[in-house]
Amino acid sequence: MHQLYPQVTHHYRYELNKDMHVAAAHFIPHKAAGSCANVHGHTYIVNVTIAGDELDESGFLVNFQTVKKLVHGKLDHTLLNDHNDWFDRHDPNRFPTTEVVARTIYETIQRYLDTLPHKPKCLQVFVRETPTSYVVYRPKAGER
């Protein structure tokens, strides 16, 4: 699983990266999706980059297990379209495309990080769908 990922320039002291394999199926409910409108699966490679200046009371920026639970624990071995809280077959901005998967993982992780007193930030989410296709989602500078 060793990968090289695009780097985010930042000013934080600590940077955490968590890699995960997520085996999941999906379909894109739109005529422009071609054969991707049919149910099909991928073994996604997901990398989440989190940064911050302070560690929590246990010495973690964020516990790796928590990050895995938020993503892998939710999506692995599922049909992404069934996650109505993440995706919506009637809203193109919420179809389970790789772009939307990356953005939704970011939103989920950042929502959790916002509850922590030391306020780490999710800087990017990398989602590789196939060996030749991937998406990187990063919030705009003012959103970090």
Protein backbone atom coordinates (compact mmCIF):
# COMPACT_ATOMS: atom_id res chain seq x y z
CA MET A 1 0.00 0.00 0.00
CA HIS A 2 2.99 2.33 0.11
CA GLN A 3 2.06 5.29 -2.02
CA LEU A 4 3.31 8.75 -2.66
CA TYR A 5 0.66 11.42 -2.36
CA PRO A 6 0.47 15.05 -3.40
CA GLN A 7 1.77 17.18 -0.55
CA VAL A 8 -0.04 20.06 1.08
CA THR A 9 2.07 23.04 2.11
CA HIS A 10 1.13 24.09 5.63
CA HIS A 11 2.50 25.74 8.76
CA TYR A 12 1.48 23.11 11.33
CA ARG A 13 3.99 21.26 13.55
CA TYR A 14 2.44 17.82 13.11
CA GLU A 15 1.11 16.04 10.05
CA LEU A 16 -0.67 12.69 10.26
CA ASN A 17 -1.47 10.49 7.26
CA LYS A 18 -3.75 7.48 7.45
CA ASP A 19 -4.01 5.00 4.55
CA MET A 20 -6.93 2.62 4.14
CA HIS A 21 -8.24 0.10 1.63
CA VAL A 22 -12.01 0.32 1.21
CA ALA A 23 -13.74 -2.39 -0.83
CA ALA A 24 -17.08 -0.98 -1.94
CA ALA A 25 -19.54 -0.94 -4.82
CA HIS A 26 -21.41 1.99 -6.30
CA PHE A 27 -23.24 3.24 -9.34
CA ILE A 28 -23.66 6.72 -10.75
CA PRO A 29 -27.37 7.33 -11.46
CA HIS A 30 -26.95 9.50 -14.54
CA LYS A 31 -27.07 8.74 -18.26
CA ALA A 32 -23.72 10.51 -18.83
CA ALA A 33 -22.06 7.96 -16.52
CA GLY A 34 -22.11 5.31 -19.27
CA SER A 35 -21.25 1.88 -17.91
CA CYS A 36 -20.63 3.43 -14.47
CA ALA A 37 -24.43 3.70 -14.19
CA ASN A 38 -24.34 -0.04 -13.51
CA VAL A 39 -23.41 -1.41 -10.10
CA HIS A 40 -19.67 -2.11 -9.99
CA GLY A 41 -16.98 -2.25 -7.34
CA HIS A 42 -13.54 -0.93 -6.51
CA THR A 43 -10.91 -1.44 -3.88
CA TYR A 44 -10.39 2.22 -3.13
CA ILE A 45 -7.15 3.44 -1.60
CA VAL A 46 -7.90 6.31 0.74
CA ASN A 47 -5.36 8.61 2.37
CA VAL A 48 -6.38 11.25 4.89
CA THR A 49 -3.96 14.05 5.84
CA ILE A 50 -4.55 15.77 9.19
CA ALA A 51 -2.36 18.48 10.72
CA GLY A 52 -2.18 20.53 13.89
CA ASP A 53 0.08 22.24 16.36
CA GLU A 54 -1.01 20.53 19.59
CA LEU A 55 -1.38 16.92 20.71
CA ASP A 56 -4.24 15.62 22.83
CA GLU A 57 -3.92 14.43 26.45
CA SER A 58 -2.81 10.96 25.23
CA GLY A 59 -0.06 12.35 23.01
CA PHE A 60 -1.95 11.89 19.72
CA LEU A 61 -2.75 14.47 17.10
CA VAL A 62 -5.63 12.09 16.29
CA ASN A 63 -5.85 8.39 17.04
CA PHE A 64 -5.34 6.40 13.80
CA GLN A 65 -8.05 3.96 14.90
CA THR A 66 -10.61 6.75 15.10
CA VAL A 67 -9.85 7.91 11.56
CA LYS A 68 -10.15 4.33 10.31
CA LYS A 69 -13.47 3.84 12.10
CA LEU A 70 -14.93 7.04 10.58
CA VAL A 71 -14.10 5.95 7.01
CA HIS A 72 -13.32 2.25 6.72
CA GLY A 73 -15.81 1.30 9.43
CA LYS A 74 -18.57 3.10 7.57
CA LEU A 75 -17.86 2.28 3.91
CA ASP A 76 -15.96 -1.01 3.67
CA HIS A 77 -17.89 -3.85 2.00
CA THR A 78 -20.96 -1.74 1.33
CA LEU A 79 -22.90 -0.30 -1.59
CA LEU A 80 -22.05 3.39 -1.32
CA ASN A 81 -25.43 4.39 -2.74
CA ASP A 82 -27.08 2.87 0.35
CA HIS A 83 -25.48 5.51 2.63
CA ASN A 84 -28.31 8.03 2.41
CA ASP A 85 -26.63 10.25 4.99
CA TRP A 86 -23.61 10.61 2.66
CA PHE A 87 -24.98 10.19 -0.88
CA ASP A 88 -28.22 10.98 -2.71
CA ARG A 89 -29.30 9.43 -6.01
CA HIS A 90 -31.37 12.55 -6.82
CA ASP A 91 -28.68 15.20 -6.24
CA PRO A 92 -25.72 15.27 -8.68
CA ASN A 93 -23.62 17.01 -6.01
CA ARG A 94 -24.12 13.92 -3.84
CA PHE A 95 -23.81 11.04 -6.34
CA PRO A 96 -21.11 8.62 -5.08
CA THR A 97 -18.51 9.68 -7.64
CA THR A 98 -14.90 9.55 -6.51
CA GLU A 99 -14.94 13.35 -6.22
CA VAL A 100 -17.97 13.29 -3.91
CA VAL A 101 -16.57 10.34 -1.93
CA ALA A 102 -13.37 12.34 -1.28
CA ARG A 103 -15.29 15.49 -0.31
CA THR A 104 -17.67 13.58 1.97
CA ILE A 105 -14.80 11.81 3.73
CA TYR A 106 -13.22 15.23 4.30
CA GLU A 107 -16.47 16.67 5.69
CA THR A 108 -16.94 13.68 8.02
CA ILE A 109 -13.37 13.81 9.32
CA GLN A 110 -13.41 17.59 9.79
CA ARG A 111 -16.76 17.47 11.60
CA TYR A 112 -15.16 15.05 14.09
CA LEU A 113 -11.95 17.13 14.39
CA ASP A 114 -14.01 20.23 15.16
CA THR A 115 -15.17 18.53 18.38
CA LEU A 116 -11.61 18.15 19.68
CA PRO A 117 -10.22 20.81 22.03
CA HIS A 118 -6.85 21.03 20.21
CA LYS A 119 -8.62 21.60 16.82
CA PRO A 120 -6.57 19.64 14.25
CA LYS A 121 -7.46 20.23 10.60
CA CYS A 122 -8.04 17.83 7.72
CA LEU A 123 -5.85 19.17 4.92
CA GLN A 124 -6.64 16.71 2.14
CA VAL A 125 -8.31 13.46 1.24
CA PHE A 126 -6.85 11.33 -1.55
CA VAL A 127 -9.07 8.61 -3.08
CA ARG A 128 -7.66 6.24 -5.71
CA GLU A 129 -10.45 4.42 -7.54
CA THR A 130 -8.30 2.45 -9.98
CA PRO A 131 -4.55 2.10 -10.58
CA THR A 132 -4.77 4.97 -13.08
CA SER A 133 -7.47 7.25 -11.61
CA TYR A 134 -7.60 9.22 -8.39
CA VAL A 135 -9.06 12.37 -6.85
CA VAL A 136 -7.61 14.74 -4.27
CA TYR A 137 -10.01 16.90 -2.27
CA ARG A 138 -8.65 19.90 -0.39
CA PRO A 139 -10.65 22.66 1.26
CA LYS A 140 -9.95 26.14 -0.03
CA ALA A 141 -7.38 28.05 2.03
CA GLY A 142 -10.02 30.12 3.84
CA GLU A 143 -11.93 26.96 4.82
CA ARG A 144 -8.98 25.43 6.74
